[in-house]
């Protein structure tokens, strides 16, 4: 069974994600994902399986934020337990990255599968 997600809950989850990206706090990161969650990113070969691996992988990217960043996002679609989000990450030192997130949520409203298409903008 999957969690019924609505606009308010998804917005709260995305805001918590952005907050966790800004703090790099392991508890903030862990609070987003189920224990057995999967985190995938393409075209990069990111495949973090399990909450602990997600926290460790995420924290390893902390230097990316060192020069400052912003993230703009829009909910593209929602269905029971799933959502798609589009976004633009702007990193002062790395450039701009277009994102498409495909999210799946468990019964507790935690993300059980996160897939991000993350490509540097032209």
N, C-alpha and C. Protein backbone atom coordinates (compact mmCIF):
# COMPACT_ATOMS: atom_id res chain seq x y z
N UNK A 1 0.84 -1.18 0.00
CA UNK A 1 0.00 0.00 0.00
C UNK A 1 0.89 1.24 0.00
N UNK A 2 0.46 2.29 -0.65
CA UNK A 2 1.21 3.53 -0.71
C UNK A 2 0.44 4.66 -0.06
N UNK A 3 1.16 5.65 0.36
CA UNK A 3 0.59 6.79 1.05
C UNK A 3 -0.11 7.71 0.05
N UNK A 4 -1.28 8.18 0.40
CA UNK A 4 -1.95 9.17 -0.43
C UNK A 4 -1.31 10.52 -0.16
N UNK A 5 -0.71 11.06 -1.17
CA UNK A 5 0.00 12.33 -1.03
C UNK A 5 -0.86 13.43 -1.66
N UNK A 6 -0.91 14.56 -1.01
CA UNK A 6 -1.63 15.69 -1.60
C UNK A 6 -0.66 16.86 -1.72
N UNK A 7 -1.14 17.95 -2.29
CA UNK A 7 -0.30 19.11 -2.56
C UNK A 7 0.37 19.63 -1.29
N UNK A 8 -0.38 19.72 -0.21
CA UNK A 8 0.17 20.25 1.04
C UNK A 8 1.26 19.35 1.61
N UNK A 9 1.01 18.04 1.61
CA UNK A 9 2.01 17.10 2.14
C UNK A 9 3.25 17.07 1.27
N UNK A 10 3.07 17.09 -0.04
CA UNK A 10 4.22 17.08 -0.94
C UNK A 10 5.03 18.37 -0.79
N UNK A 11 4.35 19.49 -0.70
CA UNK A 11 5.04 20.76 -0.50
C UNK A 11 5.85 20.73 0.79
N UNK A 12 5.27 20.22 1.86
CA UNK A 12 5.98 20.11 3.14
C UNK A 12 7.21 19.21 2.99
N UNK A 13 7.08 18.09 2.26
CA UNK A 13 8.20 17.17 2.07
C UNK A 13 9.31 17.85 1.27
N UNK A 14 8.96 18.56 0.19
CA UNK A 14 9.97 19.24 -0.63
C UNK A 14 10.66 20.32 0.19
N UNK A 15 9.91 21.08 0.96
CA UNK A 15 10.52 22.11 1.81
C UNK A 15 11.48 21.49 2.82
N UNK A 16 11.13 20.33 3.36
CA UNK A 16 12.02 19.62 4.29
C UNK A 16 13.27 19.13 3.56
N UNK A 17 13.12 18.69 2.32
CA UNK A 17 14.25 18.26 1.50
C UNK A 17 15.22 19.43 1.29
N UNK A 18 14.68 20.58 0.88
CA UNK A 18 15.52 21.75 0.66
C UNK A 18 16.19 22.17 1.97
N UNK A 19 15.45 22.11 3.07
CA UNK A 19 16.04 22.42 4.37
C UNK A 19 17.19 21.47 4.69
N UNK A 20 16.98 20.18 4.47
CA UNK A 20 18.04 19.20 4.75
C UNK A 20 19.25 19.44 3.86
N UNK A 21 19.04 19.83 2.62
CA UNK A 21 20.15 20.11 1.71
C UNK A 21 20.93 21.32 2.22
N UNK A 22 20.25 22.25 2.89
CA UNK A 22 20.92 23.45 3.40
C UNK A 22 21.63 23.20 4.73
N UNK A 23 21.16 22.23 5.52
CA UNK A 23 21.79 21.98 6.82
C UNK A 23 22.81 20.86 6.78
N UNK A 24 22.61 19.88 5.89
CA UNK A 24 23.43 18.66 5.83
C UNK A 24 23.39 17.89 7.14
N UNK A 25 22.36 18.11 7.94
CA UNK A 25 22.21 17.42 9.22
C UNK A 25 21.69 16.00 8.97
N UNK A 26 22.37 14.99 9.51
CA UNK A 26 21.94 13.61 9.26
C UNK A 26 20.50 13.33 9.68
N UNK A 27 20.04 13.94 10.76
CA UNK A 27 18.66 13.73 11.20
C UNK A 27 17.65 14.35 10.24
N UNK A 28 17.99 15.54 9.70
CA UNK A 28 17.11 16.18 8.72
C UNK A 28 16.99 15.32 7.46
N UNK A 29 18.11 14.76 7.03
CA UNK A 29 18.13 13.92 5.83
C UNK A 29 17.35 12.63 6.09
N UNK A 30 17.67 11.97 7.18
CA UNK A 30 17.05 10.68 7.51
C UNK A 30 15.53 10.81 7.65
N UNK A 31 15.06 11.95 8.13
CA UNK A 31 13.62 12.14 8.34
C UNK A 31 12.81 12.13 7.05
N UNK A 32 13.47 12.23 5.92
CA UNK A 32 12.78 12.26 4.62
C UNK A 32 12.51 10.89 4.04
N UNK A 33 13.31 9.88 4.44
CA UNK A 33 13.34 8.61 3.73
C UNK A 33 13.00 7.43 4.62
N UNK A 34 12.36 6.43 4.03
CA UNK A 34 12.09 5.18 4.75
C UNK A 34 13.40 4.42 4.95
N UNK A 35 13.39 3.46 5.86
CA UNK A 35 14.60 2.70 6.18
C UNK A 35 15.19 2.00 4.96
N UNK A 36 14.35 1.50 4.08
CA UNK A 36 14.82 0.74 2.90
C UNK A 36 14.74 1.57 1.62
N UNK A 37 14.70 2.88 1.75
CA UNK A 37 14.54 3.75 0.58
C UNK A 37 15.67 3.58 -0.43
N UNK A 38 15.35 3.93 -1.66
CA UNK A 38 16.34 3.95 -2.74
C UNK A 38 16.44 5.38 -3.26
N UNK A 39 17.68 5.79 -3.57
CA UNK A 39 17.95 7.13 -4.09
C UNK A 39 18.80 6.96 -5.34
N UNK A 40 18.25 7.32 -6.48
CA UNK A 40 18.94 7.16 -7.76
C UNK A 40 19.03 8.51 -8.46
N UNK A 41 20.14 8.71 -9.15
CA UNK A 41 20.33 9.95 -9.89
C UNK A 41 20.98 9.62 -11.23
N UNK A 42 20.41 10.14 -12.30
CA UNK A 42 21.00 9.98 -13.62
C UNK A 42 21.21 11.36 -14.21
N UNK A 43 22.19 11.55 -15.08
CA UNK A 43 23.02 10.55 -15.72
C UNK A 43 24.19 10.07 -14.86
N UNK A 44 24.26 10.55 -13.64
CA UNK A 44 25.34 10.13 -12.74
C UNK A 44 24.99 8.75 -12.19
N UNK A 45 25.96 8.02 -11.81
CA UNK A 45 25.75 6.63 -11.37
C UNK A 45 25.48 6.56 -9.87
N UNK A 46 24.53 7.33 -9.40
CA UNK A 46 24.17 7.34 -7.99
C UNK A 46 23.10 6.29 -7.73
N UNK A 47 23.40 5.38 -6.82
CA UNK A 47 22.41 4.37 -6.40
C UNK A 47 22.66 4.10 -4.92
N UNK A 48 22.01 4.88 -4.08
CA UNK A 48 22.15 4.71 -2.64
C UNK A 48 20.93 3.92 -2.17
N UNK A 49 21.18 2.77 -1.57
CA UNK A 49 20.10 1.89 -1.13
C UNK A 49 20.10 1.83 0.39
N UNK A 50 18.99 2.22 1.00
CA UNK A 50 18.86 2.25 2.45
C UNK A 50 19.11 3.64 2.99
N UNK A 51 18.39 3.98 4.06
CA UNK A 51 18.48 5.31 4.65
C UNK A 51 19.91 5.68 5.03
N UNK A 52 20.65 4.76 5.63
CA UNK A 52 22.02 5.07 6.05
C UNK A 52 22.90 5.43 4.86
N UNK A 53 22.76 4.69 3.76
CA UNK A 53 23.54 4.98 2.55
C UNK A 53 23.14 6.33 1.95
N UNK A 54 21.85 6.65 2.01
CA UNK A 54 21.38 7.94 1.50
C UNK A 54 21.98 9.07 2.33
N UNK A 55 21.94 8.95 3.64
CA UNK A 55 22.50 9.99 4.50
C UNK A 55 23.99 10.16 4.22
N UNK A 56 24.73 9.06 4.15
CA UNK A 56 26.18 9.13 3.90
C UNK A 56 26.47 9.75 2.53
N UNK A 57 25.75 9.30 1.51
CA UNK A 57 25.98 9.83 0.17
C UNK A 57 25.65 11.30 0.07
N UNK A 58 24.53 11.67 0.65
CA UNK A 58 24.09 13.06 0.64
C UNK A 58 25.14 13.95 1.32
N UNK A 59 25.60 13.52 2.50
CA UNK A 59 26.55 14.33 3.26
C UNK A 59 27.88 14.47 2.53
N UNK A 60 28.22 13.48 1.68
CA UNK A 60 29.47 13.56 0.93
C UNK A 60 29.44 14.69 -0.10
N UNK A 61 28.26 15.20 -0.39
CA UNK A 61 28.12 16.27 -1.38
C UNK A 61 28.09 17.67 -0.76
N UNK A 62 28.34 17.75 0.51
CA UNK A 62 28.30 19.03 1.21
C UNK A 62 29.16 20.10 0.55
N UNK A 63 30.36 19.77 0.05
CA UNK A 63 31.18 20.81 -0.59
C UNK A 63 30.49 21.51 -1.77
N UNK A 64 29.52 20.86 -2.38
CA UNK A 64 28.82 21.47 -3.52
C UNK A 64 28.08 22.74 -3.11
N UNK A 65 27.68 22.82 -1.86
CA UNK A 65 26.93 23.99 -1.41
C UNK A 65 27.82 25.13 -0.95
N UNK A 66 29.13 24.90 -0.90
CA UNK A 66 30.03 25.85 -0.26
C UNK A 66 29.94 27.26 -0.83
N UNK A 67 29.66 27.40 -2.11
CA UNK A 67 29.59 28.73 -2.71
C UNK A 67 28.21 29.34 -2.70
N UNK A 68 27.24 28.63 -2.16
CA UNK A 68 25.86 29.10 -2.14
C UNK A 68 25.05 28.48 -3.26
N UNK A 69 23.73 28.43 -3.06
CA UNK A 69 22.85 27.80 -4.04
C UNK A 69 21.41 28.22 -3.78
N UNK A 70 20.58 28.03 -4.78
CA UNK A 70 19.14 28.20 -4.65
C UNK A 70 18.46 27.05 -5.40
N UNK A 71 17.20 26.80 -5.06
CA UNK A 71 16.44 25.76 -5.75
C UNK A 71 15.02 26.24 -5.95
N UNK A 72 14.58 26.25 -7.21
CA UNK A 72 13.21 26.58 -7.57
C UNK A 72 12.54 25.29 -8.02
N UNK A 73 11.28 25.09 -7.63
CA UNK A 73 10.63 23.82 -7.97
C UNK A 73 9.14 24.02 -8.23
N UNK A 74 8.58 23.04 -8.94
CA UNK A 74 7.16 23.01 -9.26
C UNK A 74 6.68 21.56 -9.21
N UNK A 75 5.51 21.35 -8.65
CA UNK A 75 4.90 20.02 -8.68
C UNK A 75 4.34 19.81 -10.08
N UNK A 76 4.83 18.77 -10.76
CA UNK A 76 4.39 18.49 -12.13
C UNK A 76 3.18 17.56 -12.15
N UNK A 77 3.18 16.56 -11.26
CA UNK A 77 2.05 15.63 -11.22
C UNK A 77 2.04 14.89 -9.89
N UNK A 78 0.85 14.38 -9.54
CA UNK A 78 0.68 13.56 -8.34
C UNK A 78 -0.33 12.47 -8.64
N UNK A 79 -0.10 11.31 -8.05
CA UNK A 79 -1.06 10.21 -8.07
C UNK A 79 -0.87 9.48 -6.75
N UNK A 80 -1.73 8.55 -6.39
CA UNK A 80 -1.58 7.90 -5.08
C UNK A 80 -0.16 7.34 -4.87
N UNK A 81 0.52 7.90 -3.88
CA UNK A 81 1.84 7.42 -3.51
C UNK A 81 2.97 7.85 -4.41
N UNK A 82 2.70 8.66 -5.41
CA UNK A 82 3.73 9.07 -6.36
C UNK A 82 3.60 10.56 -6.68
N UNK A 83 4.75 11.13 -7.05
CA UNK A 83 4.74 12.52 -7.49
C UNK A 83 5.92 12.75 -8.41
N UNK A 84 5.77 13.77 -9.25
CA UNK A 84 6.86 14.22 -10.10
C UNK A 84 7.03 15.71 -9.85
N UNK A 85 8.29 16.10 -9.67
CA UNK A 85 8.63 17.48 -9.37
C UNK A 85 9.69 17.93 -10.38
N UNK A 86 9.55 19.13 -10.91
CA UNK A 86 10.61 19.70 -11.74
C UNK A 86 11.26 20.83 -10.97
N UNK A 87 12.54 21.03 -11.22
CA UNK A 87 13.24 22.06 -10.48
C UNK A 87 14.47 22.56 -11.21
N UNK A 88 15.01 23.63 -10.67
CA UNK A 88 16.25 24.21 -11.17
C UNK A 88 17.12 24.54 -9.97
N UNK A 89 18.25 23.85 -9.88
CA UNK A 89 19.24 24.13 -8.84
C UNK A 89 20.30 25.06 -9.41
N UNK A 90 20.56 26.14 -8.73
CA UNK A 90 21.58 27.11 -9.17
C UNK A 90 22.69 27.12 -8.12
N UNK A 91 23.85 26.64 -8.53
CA UNK A 91 25.01 26.58 -7.64
C UNK A 91 26.02 27.62 -8.11
N UNK A 92 26.40 28.50 -7.20
CA UNK A 92 27.31 29.58 -7.55
C UNK A 92 28.59 29.05 -8.17
N UNK A 93 29.11 27.93 -7.66
CA UNK A 93 30.39 27.41 -8.14
C UNK A 93 30.25 26.33 -9.20
N UNK A 94 29.08 25.71 -9.34
CA UNK A 94 28.92 24.59 -10.28
C UNK A 94 28.06 24.91 -11.49
N UNK A 95 27.24 25.93 -11.40
CA UNK A 95 26.33 26.26 -12.49
C UNK A 95 24.91 25.85 -12.18
N UNK A 96 24.09 25.83 -13.22
CA UNK A 96 22.66 25.53 -13.09
C UNK A 96 22.38 24.10 -13.52
N UNK A 97 21.46 23.44 -12.79
CA UNK A 97 21.10 22.06 -13.08
C UNK A 97 19.58 21.92 -13.12
N UNK A 98 19.08 21.42 -14.25
CA UNK A 98 17.66 21.09 -14.38
C UNK A 98 17.41 19.75 -13.72
N UNK A 99 16.34 19.66 -12.95
CA UNK A 99 15.99 18.44 -12.22
C UNK A 99 14.59 17.98 -12.59
N UNK A 100 14.42 16.67 -12.66
CA UNK A 100 13.10 16.04 -12.67
C UNK A 100 13.16 14.95 -11.62
N UNK A 101 12.33 15.07 -10.59
CA UNK A 101 12.28 14.07 -9.52
C UNK A 101 11.05 13.20 -9.71
N UNK A 102 11.23 11.91 -9.58
CA UNK A 102 10.11 10.98 -9.49
C UNK A 102 10.16 10.38 -8.10
N UNK A 103 9.11 10.57 -7.34
CA UNK A 103 9.08 10.19 -5.93
C UNK A 103 8.00 9.16 -5.67
N UNK A 104 8.31 8.20 -4.80
CA UNK A 104 7.32 7.25 -4.31
C UNK A 104 7.34 7.32 -2.79
N UNK A 105 6.15 7.26 -2.18
CA UNK A 105 6.02 7.41 -0.74
C UNK A 105 5.41 6.16 -0.12
N UNK A 106 5.84 5.85 1.11
CA UNK A 106 5.28 4.71 1.83
C UNK A 106 4.06 5.15 2.64
N UNK A 107 3.52 4.23 3.43
CA UNK A 107 2.32 4.51 4.22
C UNK A 107 2.52 5.60 5.27
N UNK A 108 3.77 5.84 5.66
CA UNK A 108 4.06 6.86 6.66
C UNK A 108 4.38 8.22 6.05
N UNK A 109 4.29 8.31 4.72
CA UNK A 109 4.59 9.58 4.06
C UNK A 109 6.07 9.83 3.85
N UNK A 110 6.88 8.78 4.07
CA UNK A 110 8.32 8.89 3.83
C UNK A 110 8.62 8.46 2.40
N UNK A 111 9.64 9.04 1.83
CA UNK A 111 10.01 8.68 0.47
C UNK A 111 10.66 7.30 0.48
N UNK A 112 10.12 6.40 -0.33
CA UNK A 112 10.67 5.05 -0.42
C UNK A 112 11.51 4.87 -1.68
N UNK A 113 11.30 5.73 -2.66
CA UNK A 113 12.12 5.70 -3.88
C UNK A 113 12.20 7.12 -4.44
N UNK A 114 13.43 7.56 -4.64
CA UNK A 114 13.70 8.89 -5.18
C UNK A 114 14.54 8.70 -6.43
N UNK A 115 14.06 9.20 -7.54
CA UNK A 115 14.86 9.16 -8.77
C UNK A 115 14.93 10.57 -9.31
N UNK A 116 16.16 11.02 -9.56
CA UNK A 116 16.36 12.38 -10.06
C UNK A 116 17.12 12.33 -11.38
N UNK A 117 16.54 12.96 -12.38
CA UNK A 117 17.27 13.27 -13.60
C UNK A 117 17.86 14.64 -13.36
N UNK A 118 19.17 14.74 -13.39
CA UNK A 118 19.88 15.94 -12.97
C UNK A 118 20.89 16.30 -14.05
N UNK A 119 20.56 17.29 -14.86
CA UNK A 119 21.44 17.64 -15.98
C UNK A 119 21.81 19.11 -15.92
N UNK A 120 23.09 19.36 -16.18
CA UNK A 120 23.55 20.74 -16.19
C UNK A 120 22.86 21.49 -17.34
N UNK A 121 22.37 22.67 -17.02
CA UNK A 121 21.68 23.49 -18.02
C UNK A 121 22.68 23.98 -19.06
N UNK A 122 22.20 24.14 -20.27
CA UNK A 122 23.07 24.62 -21.36
C UNK A 122 23.37 26.09 -21.21
